[in-house]
Amino acid sequence: MAIEYQKNTARFDGVVGADEAETLLEWLQKHTKGKLALSACSHLHAANLQVLMAAKAQISAWPEDEVLAAWLKSALAQQELNQ
């Protein structure tokens, strides 16, 4: 599994595909103060980005991949601006 769910943190690892989106959404709905550690994430499917945007998830660690980190920061910042 590309996401390891812990008590208050979901840790992303490698490629996080579309098949992870539903489980991620369910975890975020149950853990409203949960945080996401994306440092080991190398690819995030757009379905998961939509979940992050809808849940307004807290990111505790951005991806080490600078391009992915910049893309996510931009997408999530745009969401905040449009509220």
C-alpha atoms as a PDB file:
ATOM      1  CA  MET A   1       0.000   0.000   0.000  1.00  0.00           C
ATOM      2  CA  ALA A   2       1.341   3.421  -0.950  1.00  0.00           C
ATOM      3  CA  ILE A   3      -0.154   5.075   2.139  1.00  0.00           C
ATOM      4  CA  GLU A   4       0.565   3.841   5.648  1.00  0.00           C
ATOM      5  CA  TYR A   5      -2.150   4.917   8.065  1.00  0.00           C
ATOM      6  CA  GLN A   6      -1.073   5.545  11.632  1.00  0.00           C
ATOM      7  CA  LYS A   7      -2.994   6.990  14.577  1.00  0.00           C
ATOM      8  CA  ASN A   8      -2.783  10.670  13.545  1.00  0.00           C
ATOM      9  CA  THR A   9      -0.597  10.579  10.435  1.00  0.00           C
ATOM     10  CA  ALA A  10      -0.901   9.132   6.961  1.00  0.00           C
ATOM     11  CA  ARG A  11       2.534   8.505   5.412  1.00  0.00           C
ATOM     12  CA  PHE A  12       2.720   8.512   1.626  1.00  0.00           C
ATOM     13  CA  ASP A  13       5.386   6.393  -0.080  1.00  0.00           C
ATOM     14  CA  GLY A  14       6.308   6.224  -3.750  1.00  0.00           C
ATOM     15  CA  VAL A  15       3.522   6.320  -6.318  1.00  0.00           C
ATOM     16  CA  VAL A  16       0.092   7.002  -4.810  1.00  0.00           C
ATOM     17  CA  GLY A  17      -2.436   5.946  -7.427  1.00  0.00           C
ATOM     18  CA  ALA A  18      -6.121   6.605  -7.937  1.00  0.00           C
ATOM     19  CA  ASP A  19      -7.048   3.408  -6.107  1.00  0.00           C
ATOM     20  CA  GLU A  20      -5.869   5.003  -2.837  1.00  0.00           C
ATOM     21  CA  ALA A  21      -8.271   7.981  -3.007  1.00  0.00           C
ATOM     22  CA  GLU A  22     -11.350   6.404  -1.416  1.00  0.00           C
ATOM     23  CA  THR A  23      -9.440   4.988   1.559  1.00  0.00           C
ATOM     24  CA  LEU A  24      -7.625   8.309   1.999  1.00  0.00           C
ATOM     25  CA  LEU A  25     -10.929  10.191   2.034  1.00  0.00           C
ATOM     26  CA  GLU A  26     -12.399   7.795   4.612  1.00  0.00           C
ATOM     27  CA  TRP A  27      -9.317   8.154   6.848  1.00  0.00           C
ATOM     28  CA  LEU A  28      -9.407  11.956   6.613  1.00  0.00           C
ATOM     29  CA  GLN A  29     -13.116  11.991   7.468  1.00  0.00           C
ATOM     30  CA  LYS A  30     -12.435   9.906  10.589  1.00  0.00           C
ATOM     31  CA  HIS A  31      -9.254  11.812  11.516  1.00  0.00           C
ATOM     32  CA  THR A  32     -10.224  15.443  10.973  1.00  0.00           C
ATOM     33  CA  LYS A  33      -7.043  16.632  12.689  1.00  0.00           C
ATOM     34  CA  GLY A  34      -4.896  14.030  10.936  1.00  0.00           C
ATOM     35  CA  LYS A  35      -1.704  15.086   9.193  1.00  0.00           C
ATOM     36  CA  LEU A  36      -0.118  13.911   5.983  1.00  0.00           C
ATOM     37  CA  ALA A  37       3.571  13.135   5.599  1.00  0.00           C
ATOM     38  CA  LEU A  38       4.338  13.336   1.894  1.00  0.00           C
ATOM     39  CA  SER A  39       8.151  13.365   2.030  1.00  0.00           C
ATOM     40  CA  ALA A  40       8.562   9.908   0.427  1.00  0.00           C
ATOM     41  CA  CYS A  41       5.821  10.462  -2.179  1.00  0.00           C
ATOM     42  CA  SER A  42       7.153  10.497  -5.750  1.00  0.00           C
ATOM     43  CA  HIS A  43       3.831  10.741  -7.637  1.00  0.00           C
ATOM     44  CA  LEU A  44       0.311  11.669  -6.557  1.00  0.00           C
ATOM     45  CA  HIS A  45      -2.658  10.880  -8.781  1.00  0.00           C
ATOM     46  CA  ALA A  46      -5.046  13.797  -9.325  1.00  0.00           C
ATOM     47  CA  ALA A  47      -7.843  11.872  -7.552  1.00  0.00           C
ATOM     48  CA  ASN A  48      -5.809  12.076  -4.351  1.00  0.00           C
ATOM     49  CA  LEU A  49      -5.141  15.772  -4.900  1.00  0.00           C
ATOM     50  CA  GLN A  50      -8.900  16.294  -5.099  1.00  0.00           C
ATOM     51  CA  VAL A  51      -9.272  14.484  -1.763  1.00  0.00           C
ATOM     52  CA  LEU A  52      -6.574  16.691  -0.195  1.00  0.00           C
ATOM     53  CA  MET A  53      -8.301  19.808  -1.498  1.00  0.00           C
ATOM     54  CA  ALA A  54     -11.780  18.730  -0.383  1.00  0.00           C
ATOM     55  CA  ALA A  55     -10.604  17.680   3.076  1.00  0.00           C
ATOM     56  CA  LYS A  56      -8.342  20.727   3.524  1.00  0.00           C
ATOM     57  CA  ALA A  57      -5.776  18.300   4.888  1.00  0.00           C
ATOM     58  CA  GLN A  58      -2.802  19.432   6.960  1.00  0.00           C
ATOM     59  CA  ILE A  59       0.572  18.616   5.426  1.00  0.00           C
ATOM     60  CA  SER A  60       3.288  17.846   7.982  1.00  0.00           C
ATOM     61  CA  ALA A  61       6.010  17.089   5.415  1.00  0.00           C
ATOM     62  CA  TRP A  62       6.125  18.041   1.731  1.00  0.00           C
ATOM     63  CA  PRO A  63       7.553  15.691  -0.924  1.00  0.00           C
ATOM     64  CA  GLU A  64      11.325  15.613  -1.272  1.00  0.00           C
ATOM     65  CA  ASP A  65      10.791  15.839  -5.040  1.00  0.00           C
ATOM     66  CA  GLU A  66      10.942  19.605  -5.569  1.00  0.00           C
ATOM     67  CA  VAL A  67       8.730  19.602  -8.669  1.00  0.00           C
ATOM     68  CA  LEU A  68       5.998  17.566  -6.972  1.00  0.00           C
ATOM     69  CA  ALA A  69       6.245  19.698  -3.825  1.00  0.00           C
ATOM     70  CA  ALA A  70       5.921  22.915  -5.845  1.00  0.00           C
ATOM     71  CA  TRP A  71       2.935  21.515  -7.784  1.00  0.00           C
ATOM     72  CA  LEU A  72       1.141  20.481  -4.591  1.00  0.00           C
ATOM     73  CA  LYS A  73       1.905  23.720  -2.755  1.00  0.00           C
ATOM     74  CA  SER A  74       0.605  25.714  -5.710  1.00  0.00           C
ATOM     75  CA  ALA A  75      -2.577  23.648  -6.057  1.00  0.00           C
ATOM     76  CA  LEU A  76      -3.365  23.720  -2.354  1.00  0.00           C
ATOM     77  CA  ALA A  77      -2.534  27.441  -2.060  1.00  0.00           C
ATOM     78  CA  GLN A  78      -4.865  28.225  -4.978  1.00  0.00           C
ATOM     79  CA  GLN A  79      -7.630  26.426  -3.142  1.00  0.00           C
ATOM     80  CA  GLU A  80      -7.074  28.629  -0.078  1.00  0.00           C
ATOM     81  CA  LEU A  81      -7.149  31.776  -2.218  1.00  0.00           C
ATOM     82  CA  ASN A  82     -10.461  30.797  -3.811  1.00  0.00           C
ATOM     83  CA  GLN A  83     -12.322  30.396  -0.512  1.00  0.00           C
END
